[in-house]
PDB file of N, CA and C in Angstrom:
ATOM      1  N   MET A   1      92.217 137.037 305.899  1.00  0.00           N
ATOM      2  CA  MET A   1      91.856 137.498 307.232  1.00  0.00           C
ATOM      3  C   MET A   1      92.728 136.746 308.247  1.00  0.00           C
ATOM      4  N   ARG A   2      93.239 137.466 309.205  1.00  0.00           N
ATOM      5  CA  ARG A   2      94.116 136.851 310.193  1.00  0.00           C
ATOM      6  C   ARG A   2      93.309 136.061 311.220  1.00  0.00           C
ATOM      7  N   ALA A   3      93.941 135.038 311.727  1.00  0.00           N
ATOM      8  CA  ALA A   3      93.302 134.205 312.749  1.00  0.00           C
ATOM      9  C   ALA A   3      93.432 134.871 314.115  1.00  0.00           C
ATOM     10  N   PHE A   4      92.451 134.679 314.947  1.00  0.00           N
ATOM     11  CA  PHE A   4      92.493 135.227 316.297  1.00  0.00           C
ATOM     12  C   PHE A   4      93.276 134.288 317.197  1.00  0.00           C
ATOM     13  N   LYS A   5      94.010 134.861 318.143  1.00  0.00           N
ATOM     14  CA  LYS A   5      94.758 134.060 319.103  1.00  0.00           C
ATOM     15  C   LYS A   5      93.965 133.957 320.398  1.00  0.00           C
ATOM     16  N   HIS A   6      93.864 132.741 320.897  1.00  0.00           N
ATOM     17  CA  HIS A   6      93.158 132.472 322.146  1.00  0.00           C
ATOM     18  C   HIS A   6      94.110 131.709 323.059  1.00  0.00           C
ATOM     19  N   PRO A   7      94.257 132.154 324.294  1.00  0.00           N
ATOM     20  CA  PRO A   7      95.174 131.438 325.187  1.00  0.00           C
ATOM     21  C   PRO A   7      94.616 130.074 325.583  1.00  0.00           C
ATOM     22  N   PRO A   8      95.495 129.096 325.751  1.00  0.00           N
ATOM     23  CA  PRO A   8      95.023 127.818 326.291  1.00  0.00           C
ATOM     24  C   PRO A   8      94.419 128.082 327.679  1.00  0.00           C
ATOM     25  N   ILE A   9      93.359 127.401 328.004  1.00  0.00           N
ATOM     26  CA  ILE A   9      92.659 127.665 329.265  1.00  0.00           C
ATOM     27  C   ILE A   9      93.573 127.479 330.469  1.00  0.00           C
ATOM     28  N   GLU A  10      94.561 126.610 330.359  1.00  0.00           N
ATOM     29  CA  GLU A  10      95.494 126.379 331.466  1.00  0.00           C
ATOM     30  C   GLU A  10      96.359 127.601 331.756  1.00  0.00           C
ATOM     31  N   GLN A  11      96.493 128.502 330.790  1.00  0.00           N
ATOM     32  CA  GLN A  11      97.313 129.697 330.964  1.00  0.00           C
ATOM     33  C   GLN A  11      96.506 130.916 331.404  1.00  0.00           C
ATOM     34  N   VAL A  12      95.200 130.754 331.514  1.00  0.00           N
ATOM     35  CA  VAL A  12      94.332 131.852 331.928  1.00  0.00           C
ATOM     36  C   VAL A  12      94.382 131.972 333.444  1.00  0.00           C
ATOM     37  N   SER A  13      94.580 133.190 333.935  1.00  0.00           N
ATOM     38  CA  SER A  13      94.631 133.404 335.386  1.00  0.00           C
ATOM     39  C   SER A  13      93.330 134.041 335.876  1.00  0.00           C
ATOM     40  N   VAL A  14      93.034 133.826 337.125  1.00  0.00           N
ATOM     41  CA  VAL A  14      91.836 134.421 337.722  1.00  0.00           C
ATOM     42  C   VAL A  14      91.946 135.949 337.702  1.00  0.00           C
ATOM     43  N   GLU A  15      93.162 136.462 337.821  1.00  0.00           N
ATOM     44  CA  GLU A  15      93.360 137.921 337.773  1.00  0.00           C
ATOM     45  C   GLU A  15      92.951 138.474 336.409  1.00  0.00           C
ATOM     46  N   GLN A  16      93.304 137.758 335.335  1.00  0.00           N
ATOM     47  CA  GLN A  16      92.929 138.192 333.989  1.00  0.00           C
ATOM     48  C   GLN A  16      91.410 138.210 333.831  1.00  0.00           C
ATOM     49  N   VAL A  17      90.768 137.174 334.298  1.00  0.00           N
ATOM     50  CA  VAL A  17      89.320 137.069 334.178  1.00  0.00           C
ATOM     51  C   VAL A  17      88.639 138.193 334.961  1.00  0.00           C
ATOM     52  N   LEU A  18      89.068 138.393 336.194  1.00  0.00           N
ATOM     53  CA  LEU A  18      88.448 139.441 337.021  1.00  0.00           C
ATOM     54  C   LEU A  18      88.701 140.830 336.454  1.00  0.00           C
ATOM     55  N   TYR A  19      89.914 141.079 335.966  1.00  0.00           N
ATOM     56  CA  TYR A  19      90.214 142.377 335.355  1.00  0.00           C
ATOM     57  C   TYR A  19      89.315 142.606 334.146  1.00  0.00           C
ATOM     58  N   SER A  20      89.227 141.607 333.297  1.00  0.00           N
ATOM     59  CA  SER A  20      88.445 141.735 332.078  1.00  0.00           C
ATOM     60  C   SER A  20      86.975 142.031 332.376  1.00  0.00           C
ATOM     61  N   LEU A  21      86.435 141.370 333.373  1.00  0.00           N
ATOM     62  CA  LEU A  21      85.018 141.541 333.699  1.00  0.00           C
ATOM     63  C   LEU A  21      84.743 142.710 334.644  1.00  0.00           C
ATOM     64  N   SER A  22      85.789 143.436 335.035  1.00  0.00           N
ATOM     65  CA  SER A  22      85.592 144.605 335.895  1.00  0.00           C
ATOM     66  C   SER A  22      85.078 145.814 335.107  1.00  0.00           C
ATOM     67  N   ASP A  23      85.120 145.728 333.788  1.00  0.00           N
ATOM     68  CA  ASP A  23      84.619 146.809 332.940  1.00  0.00           C
ATOM     69  C   ASP A  23      83.151 146.543 332.599  1.00  0.00           C
ATOM     70  N   SER A  24      82.298 147.539 332.761  1.00  0.00           N
ATOM     71  CA  SER A  24      80.860 147.340 332.571  1.00  0.00           C
ATOM     72  C   SER A  24      80.494 146.974 331.127  1.00  0.00           C
ATOM     73  N   VAL A  25      81.200 147.516 330.149  1.00  0.00           N
ATOM     74  CA  VAL A  25      80.909 147.179 328.752  1.00  0.00           C
ATOM     75  C   VAL A  25      81.241 145.713 328.484  1.00  0.00           C
ATOM     76  N   ARG A  26      82.415 145.277 328.943  1.00  0.00           N
ATOM     77  CA  ARG A  26      82.810 143.882 328.727  1.00  0.00           C
ATOM     78  C   ARG A  26      81.894 142.926 329.483  1.00  0.00           C
ATOM     79  N   LEU A  27      81.510 143.289 330.686  1.00  0.00           N
ATOM     80  CA  LEU A  27      80.585 142.449 331.456  1.00  0.00           C
ATOM     81  C   LEU A  27      79.245 142.339 330.729  1.00  0.00           C
ATOM     82  N   SER A  28      78.790 143.436 330.163  1.00  0.00           N
ATOM     83  CA  SER A  28      77.540 143.435 329.395  1.00  0.00           C
ATOM     84  C   SER A  28      77.654 142.530 328.166  1.00  0.00           C
ATOM     85  N   ILE A  29      78.785 142.579 327.480  1.00  0.00           N
ATOM     86  CA  ILE A  29      79.016 141.724 326.317  1.00  0.00           C
ATOM     87  C   ILE A  29      78.943 140.256 326.731  1.00  0.00           C
ATOM     88  N   VAL A  30      79.610 139.902 327.814  1.00  0.00           N
ATOM     89  CA  VAL A  30      79.638 138.513 328.272  1.00  0.00           C
ATOM     90  C   VAL A  30      78.243 138.063 328.697  1.00  0.00           C
ATOM     91  N   ARG A  31      77.512 138.914 329.379  1.00  0.00           N
ATOM     92  CA  ARG A  31      76.143 138.557 329.776  1.00  0.00           C
ATOM     93  C   ARG A  31      75.282 138.264 328.551  1.00  0.00           C
ATOM     94  N   LYS A  32      75.391 139.110 327.533  1.00  0.00           N
ATOM     95  CA  LYS A  32      74.613 138.899 326.306  1.00  0.00           C
ATOM     96  C   LYS A  32      75.030 137.611 325.606  1.00  0.00           C
ATOM     97  N   LEU A  33      76.327 137.368 325.543  1.00  0.00           N
ATOM     98  CA  LEU A  33      76.806 136.156 324.882  1.00  0.00           C
ATOM     99  C   LEU A  33      76.370 134.894 325.607  1.00  0.00           C
ATOM    100  N   VAL A  34      76.404 134.908 326.920  1.00  0.00           N
ATOM    101  CA  VAL A  34      75.959 133.739 327.680  1.00  0.00           C
ATOM    102  C   VAL A  34      74.474 133.481 327.412  1.00  0.00           C
ATOM    103  N   LYS A  35      73.708 134.548 327.328  1.00  0.00           N
ATOM    104  CA  LYS A  35      72.268 134.424 327.076  1.00  0.00           C
ATOM    105  C   LYS A  35      71.980 133.960 325.648  1.00  0.00           C
ATOM    106  N   GLU A  36      72.713 134.517 324.660  1.00  0.00           N
ATOM    107  CA  GLU A  36      72.443 134.237 323.251  1.00  0.00           C
ATOM    108  C   GLU A  36      73.243 133.066 322.689  1.00  0.00           C
ATOM    109  N   GLY A  37      74.351 132.731 323.310  1.00  0.00           N
ATOM    110  CA  GLY A  37      75.189 131.638 322.824  1.00  0.00           C
ATOM    111  C   GLY A  37      76.304 132.099 321.915  1.00  0.00           C
ATOM    112  N   GLU A  38      75.985 132.761 320.834  1.00  0.00           N
ATOM    113  CA  GLU A  38      76.982 133.260 319.887  1.00  0.00           C
ATOM    114  C   GLU A  38      76.404 134.487 319.200  1.00  0.00           C
ATOM    115  N   ALA A  39      77.247 135.485 318.975  1.00  0.00           N
ATOM    116  CA  ALA A  39      76.778 136.699 318.317  1.00  0.00           C
ATOM    117  C   ALA A  39      77.941 137.396 317.622  1.00  0.00           C
ATOM    118  N   SER A  40      77.606 138.176 316.625  1.00  0.00           N
ATOM    119  CA  SER A  40      78.622 138.946 315.907  1.00  0.00           C
ATOM    120  C   SER A  40      79.024 140.165 316.727  1.00  0.00           C
ATOM    121  N   CYS A  41      80.162 140.708 316.392  1.00  0.00           N
ATOM    122  CA  CYS A  41      80.633 141.924 317.064  1.00  0.00           C
ATOM    123  C   CYS A  41      79.620 143.048 316.867  1.00  0.00           C
ATOM    124  N   ALA A  42      79.084 143.170 315.654  1.00  0.00           N
ATOM    125  CA  ALA A  42      78.119 144.225 315.351  1.00  0.00           C
ATOM    126  C   ALA A  42      76.861 144.118 316.209  1.00  0.00           C
ATOM    127  N   ALA A  43      76.436 142.901 316.482  1.00  0.00           N
ATOM    128  CA  ALA A  43      75.227 142.689 317.289  1.00  0.00           C
ATOM    129  C   ALA A  43      75.442 143.064 318.752  1.00  0.00           C
ATOM    130  N   LEU A  44      76.700 143.176 319.153  1.00  0.00           N
ATOM    131  CA  LEU A  44      77.025 143.450 320.555  1.00  0.00           C
ATOM    132  C   LEU A  44      77.670 144.815 320.755  1.00  0.00           C
ATOM    133  N   ASP A  45      77.541 145.713 319.798  1.00  0.00           N
ATOM    134  CA  ASP A  45      78.311 146.959 319.832  1.00  0.00           C
ATOM    135  C   ASP A  45      77.908 147.959 320.908  1.00  0.00           C
ATOM    136  N   CYS A  46      76.770 147.777 321.538  1.00  0.00           N
ATOM    137  CA  CYS A  46      76.329 148.622 322.658  1.00  0.00           C
ATOM    138  C   CYS A  46      76.334 150.116 322.310  1.00  0.00           C
ATOM    139  N   GLY A  47      76.283 150.456 321.021  1.00  0.00           N
ATOM    140  CA  GLY A  47      76.296 151.848 320.609  1.00  0.00           C
ATOM    141  C   GLY A  47      77.654 152.521 320.723  1.00  0.00           C
ATOM    142  N   LYS A  48      78.687 151.749 320.933  1.00  0.00           N
ATOM    143  CA  LYS A  48      80.055 152.277 321.080  1.00  0.00           C
ATOM    144  C   LYS A  48      80.757 152.282 319.731  1.00  0.00           C
ATOM    145  N   ALA A  49      81.823 153.059 319.630  1.00  0.00           N
ATOM    146  CA  ALA A  49      82.623 153.130 318.415  1.00  0.00           C
ATOM    147  C   ALA A  49      83.256 151.769 318.125  1.00  0.00           C
ATOM    148  N   LYS A  50      83.453 151.480 316.834  1.00  0.00           N
ATOM    149  CA  LYS A  50      84.025 150.196 316.428  1.00  0.00           C
ATOM    150  C   LYS A  50      85.406 149.978 317.054  1.00  0.00           C
ATOM    151  N   SER A  51      86.223 151.026 317.122  1.00  0.00           N
ATOM    152  CA  SER A  51      87.564 150.894 317.704  1.00  0.00           C
ATOM    153  C   SER A  51      87.489 150.552 319.188  1.00  0.00           C
ATOM    154  N   SER A  52      86.538 151.124 319.873  1.00  0.00           N
ATOM    155  CA  SER A  52      86.331 150.830 321.299  1.00  0.00           C
ATOM    156  C   SER A  52      85.910 149.385 321.491  1.00  0.00           C
ATOM    157  N   MET A  53      84.993 148.934 320.652  1.00  0.00           N
ATOM    158  CA  MET A  53      84.508 147.560 320.770  1.00  0.00           C
ATOM    159  C   MET A  53      85.609 146.572 320.403  1.00  0.00           C
ATOM    160  N   SER A  54      86.428 146.888 319.416  1.00  0.00           N
ATOM    161  CA  SER A  54      87.552 146.017 319.054  1.00  0.00           C
ATOM    162  C   SER A  54      88.476 145.830 320.245  1.00  0.00           C
ATOM    163  N   HIS A  55      88.719 146.912 320.972  1.00  0.00           N
ATOM    164  CA  HIS A  55      89.557 146.838 322.182  1.00  0.00           C
ATOM    165  C   HIS A  55      88.919 145.909 323.213  1.00  0.00           C
ATOM    166  N   HIS A  56      87.631 146.069 323.458  1.00  0.00           N
ATOM    167  CA  HIS A  56      86.942 145.244 324.457  1.00  0.00           C
ATOM    168  C   HIS A  56      86.975 143.763 324.075  1.00  0.00           C
ATOM    169  N   PHE A  57      86.743 143.460 322.813  1.00  0.00           N
ATOM    170  CA  PHE A  57      86.784 142.065 322.372  1.00  0.00           C
ATOM    171  C   PHE A  57      88.193 141.497 322.476  1.00  0.00           C
ATOM    172  N   ARG A  58      89.200 142.310 322.183  1.00  0.00           N
ATOM    173  CA  ARG A  58      90.584 141.839 322.317  1.00  0.00           C
ATOM    174  C   ARG A  58      90.893 141.501 323.769  1.00  0.00           C
ATOM    175  N   VAL A  59      90.481 142.344 324.699  1.00  0.00           N
ATOM    176  CA  VAL A  59      90.703 142.085 326.128  1.00  0.00           C
ATOM    177  C   VAL A  59      89.989 140.796 326.542  1.00  0.00           C
ATOM    178  N   LEU A  60      88.759 140.617 326.100  1.00  0.00           N
ATOM    179  CA  LEU A  60      88.001 139.407 326.436  1.00  0.00           C
ATOM    180  C   LEU A  60      88.650 138.154 325.856  1.00  0.00           C
ATOM    181  N   ARG A  61      89.168 138.252 324.635  1.00  0.00           N
ATOM    182  CA  ARG A  61      89.867 137.112 324.028  1.00  0.00           C
ATOM    183  C   ARG A  61      91.157 136.801 324.757  1.00  0.00           C
ATOM    184  N   GLU A  62      91.972 137.833 325.002  1.00  0.00           N
ATOM    185  CA  GLU A  62      93.279 137.633 325.630  1.00  0.00           C
ATOM    186  C   GLU A  62      93.166 137.143 327.068  1.00  0.00           C
ATOM    187  N   SER A  63      92.045 137.437 327.715  1.00  0.00           N
ATOM    188  CA  SER A  63      91.845 136.966 329.084  1.00  0.00           C
ATOM    189  C   SER A  63      91.268 135.555 329.116  1.00  0.00           C
ATOM    190  N   GLY A  64      90.967 135.006 327.947  1.00  0.00           N
ATOM    191  CA  GLY A  64      90.474 133.639 327.865  1.00  0.00           C
ATOM    192  C   GLY A  64      88.979 133.479 328.032  1.00  0.00           C
ATOM    193  N   ILE A  65      88.244 134.564 328.077  1.00  0.00           N
ATOM    194  CA  ILE A  65      86.802 134.487 328.316  1.00  0.00           C
ATOM    195  C   ILE A  65      86.022 134.221 327.034  1.00  0.00           C
ATOM    196  N   VAL A  66      86.416 134.884 325.965  1.00  0.00           N
ATOM    197  CA  VAL A  66      85.666 134.820 324.716  1.00  0.00           C
ATOM    198  C   VAL A  66      86.475 134.123 323.631  1.00  0.00           C
ATOM    199  N   GLN A  67      85.774 133.354 322.824  1.00  0.00           N
ATOM    200  CA  GLN A  67      86.329 132.693 321.641  1.00  0.00           C
ATOM    201  C   GLN A  67      85.727 133.410 320.430  1.00  0.00           C
ATOM    202  N   THR A  68      86.567 133.828 319.485  1.00  0.00           N
ATOM    203  CA  THR A  68      86.090 134.504 318.276  1.00  0.00           C
ATOM    204  C   THR A  68      86.476 133.680 317.064  1.00  0.00           C
ATOM    205  N   ARG A  69      85.518 133.493 316.170  1.00  0.00           N
ATOM    206  CA  ARG A  69      85.804 132.792 314.925  1.00  0.00           C
ATOM    207  C   ARG A  69      85.260 133.624 313.771  1.00  0.00           C
ATOM    208  N   SER A  70      85.889 133.470 312.619  1.00  0.00           N
ATOM    209  CA  SER A  70      85.463 134.201 311.432  1.00  0.00           C
ATOM    210  C   SER A  70      84.577 133.324 310.575  1.00  0.00           C
ATOM    211  N   GLU A  71      83.528 133.935 310.073  1.00  0.00           N
ATOM    212  CA  GLU A  71      82.644 133.291 309.109  1.00  0.00           C
ATOM    213  C   GLU A  71      82.451 134.317 308.002  1.00  0.00           C
ATOM    214  N   GLY A  72      83.236 134.169 306.940  1.00  0.00           N
ATOM    215  CA  GLY A  72      83.253 135.194 305.900  1.00  0.00           C
ATOM    216  C   GLY A  72      83.880 136.455 306.463  1.00  0.00           C
ATOM    217  N   VAL A  73      83.174 137.565 306.373  1.00  0.00           N
ATOM    218  CA  VAL A  73      83.685 138.823 306.924  1.00  0.00           C
ATOM    219  C   VAL A  73      83.131 139.110 308.320  1.00  0.00           C
ATOM    220  N   THR A  74      82.342 138.188 308.838  1.00  0.00           N
ATOM    221  CA  THR A  74      81.728 138.359 310.158  1.00  0.00           C
ATOM    222  C   THR A  74      82.552 137.653 311.226  1.00  0.00           C
ATOM    223  N   HIS A  75      82.705 138.305 312.358  1.00  0.00           N
ATOM    224  CA  HIS A  75      83.367 137.694 313.513  1.00  0.00           C
ATOM    225  C   HIS A  75      82.284 137.271 314.495  1.00  0.00           C
ATOM    226  N   LEU A  76      82.263 135.985 314.807  1.00  0.00           N
ATOM    227  CA  LEU A  76      81.283 135.449 315.743  1.00  0.00           C
ATOM    228  C   LEU A  76      81.958 135.131 317.065  1.00  0.00           C
ATOM    229  N   ASN A  77      81.343 135.555 318.144  1.00  0.00           N
ATOM    230  CA  ASN A  77      81.904 135.427 319.485  1.00  0.00           C
ATOM    231  C   ASN A  77      81.043 134.534 320.352  1.00  0.00           C
ATOM    232  N   SER A  78      81.718 133.803 321.233  1.00  0.00           N
ATOM    233  CA  SER A  78      81.019 132.983 322.226  1.00  0.00           C
ATOM    234  C   SER A  78      81.882 132.937 323.485  1.00  0.00           C
ATOM    235  N   VAL A  79      81.243 132.687 324.607  1.00  0.00           N
ATOM    236  CA  VAL A  79      81.947 132.593 325.886  1.00  0.00           C
ATOM    237  C   VAL A  79      82.436 131.159 326.054  1.00  0.00           C
ATOM    238  N   ARG A  80      83.638 131.006 326.547  1.00  0.00           N
ATOM    239  CA  ARG A  80      84.230 129.677 326.776  1.00  0.00           C
ATOM    240  C   ARG A  80      83.730 129.129 328.120  1.00  0.00           C
ATOM    241  N   CYS A  81      82.427 129.012 328.252  1.00  0.00           N
ATOM    242  CA  CYS A  81      81.787 128.640 329.524  1.00  0.00           C
ATOM    243  C   CYS A  81      82.310 127.332 330.111  1.00  0.00           C
ATOM    244  N   LYS A  82      82.310 126.272 329.324  1.00  0.00           N
ATOM    245  CA  LYS A  82      82.729 124.967 329.850  1.00  0.00           C
ATOM    246  C   LYS A  82      84.184 124.981 330.284  1.00  0.00           C
ATOM    247  N   GLU A  83      85.027 125.597 329.475  1.00  0.00           N
ATOM    248  CA  GLU A  83      86.453 125.665 329.818  1.00  0.00           C
ATOM    249  C   GLU A  83      86.682 126.498 331.069  1.00  0.00           C
ATOM    250  N   LEU A  84      85.979 127.635 331.168  1.00  0.00           N
ATOM    251  CA  LEU A  84      86.126 128.488 332.353  1.00  0.00           C
ATOM    252  C   LEU A  84      85.600 127.795 333.604  1.00  0.00           C
ATOM    253  N   GLU A  85      84.509 127.062 333.467  1.00  0.00           N
ATOM    254  CA  GLU A  85      83.945 126.327 334.606  1.00  0.00           C
ATOM    255  C   GLU A  85      84.918 125.252 335.090  1.00  0.00           C
ATOM    256  N   ARG A  86      85.559 124.601 334.145  1.00  0.00           N
ATOM    257  CA  ARG A  86      86.539 123.578 334.512  1.00  0.00           C
ATOM    258  C   ARG A  86      87.755 124.210 335.199  1.00  0.00           C
ATOM    259  N   ARG A  87      88.182 125.370 334.714  1.00  0.00           N
ATOM    260  CA  ARG A  87      89.372 126.040 335.256  1.00  0.00           C
ATOM    261  C   ARG A  87      89.074 126.723 336.589  1.00  0.00           C
ATOM    262  N   PHE A  88      87.936 127.426 336.663  1.00  0.00           N
ATOM    263  CA  PHE A  88      87.556 128.178 337.871  1.00  0.00           C
ATOM    264  C   PHE A  88      86.107 127.859 338.224  1.00  0.00           C
ATOM    265  N   PRO A  89      85.860 126.724 338.870  1.00  0.00           N
ATOM    266  CA  PRO A  89      84.490 126.298 339.162  1.00  0.00           C
ATOM    267  C   PRO A  89      83.658 127.369 339.882  1.00  0.00           C
ATOM    268  N   GLY A  90      82.516 127.712 339.277  1.00  0.00           N
ATOM    269  CA  GLY A  90      81.572 128.646 339.878  1.00  0.00           C
ATOM    270  C   GLY A  90      81.883 130.117 339.704  1.00  0.00           C
ATOM    271  N   LEU A  91      83.072 130.464 339.229  1.00  0.00           N
ATOM    272  CA  LEU A  91      83.473 131.872 339.163  1.00  0.00           C
ATOM    273  C   LEU A  91      82.594 132.672 338.190  1.00  0.00           C
ATOM    274  N   LEU A  92      82.484 132.233 336.954  1.00  0.00           N
ATOM    275  CA  LEU A  92      81.718 132.975 335.963  1.00  0.00           C
ATOM    276  C   LEU A  92      80.260 133.075 336.372  1.00  0.00           C
ATOM    277  N   LYS A  93      79.701 131.989 336.867  1.00  0.00           N
ATOM    278  CA  LYS A  93      78.310 131.980 337.308  1.00  0.00           C
ATOM    279  C   LYS A  93      78.081 132.999 338.426  1.00  0.00           C
ATOM    280  N   ALA A  94      79.005 133.059 339.367  1.00  0.00           N
ATOM    281  CA  ALA A  94      78.890 134.007 340.485  1.00  0.00           C
ATOM    282  C   ALA A  94      78.983 135.454 340.006  1.00  0.00           C
ATOM    283  N   ILE A  95      79.892 135.712 339.101  1.00  0.00           N
ATOM    284  CA  ILE A  95      80.050 137.075 338.579  1.00  0.00           C
ATOM    285  C   ILE A  95      78.806 137.510 337.817  1.00  0.00           C
ATOM    286  N   LEU A  96      78.300 136.612 336.964  1.00  0.00           N
ATOM    287  CA  LEU A  96      77.126 136.953 336.163  1.00  0.00           C
ATOM    288  C   LEU A  96      75.863 137.078 337.001  1.00  0.00           C
ATOM    289  N   ALA A  97      75.812 136.397 338.127  1.00  0.00           N
ATOM    290  CA  ALA A  97      74.640 136.465 339.010  1.00  0.00           C
ATOM    291  C   ALA A  97      74.619 137.746 339.835  1.00  0.00           C
ATOM    292  N   ALA A  98      75.769 138.388 339.984  1.00  0.00           N
ATOM    293  CA  ALA A  98      75.853 139.617 340.787  1.00  0.00           C
ATOM    294  C   ALA A  98      75.070 140.738 340.114  1.00  0.00           C
ATOM    295  N   LYS A  99      74.412 141.516 340.900  1.00  0.00           N
ATOM    296  CA  LYS A  99      73.647 142.660 340.385  1.00  0.00           C
ATOM    297  C   LYS A  99      74.581 143.840 340.178  1.00  0.00           C
ATOM    298  N   ASP A 100      74.213 144.679 339.193  1.00  0.00           N
ATOM    299  CA  ASP A 100      75.024 145.875 338.894  1.00  0.00           C
ATOM    300  C   ASP A 100      74.948 146.886 340.017  1.00  0.00           C
TER     301      ASP A 100
END
């Protein structure tokens, strides 16, 4: 199984974060992950096609928001909360606090 690539937090831009979270599906995934801590891709599928969800997780990873690790054949995801808070103080909290 191939390893996932995650950008160093220093290379993450606010534009990437805002773009990534501008999609309602991705925002929903991040909200669930922040609440649950860590979850598999299957647990977060929102009833969408696997290919669609793979795209959303890739965008979240490439934007530096989500960390994905493999455990056997399962991919477990978590939000890089501490790193994002250090890079952009208050940004994630403000976005997640906003009402839909």
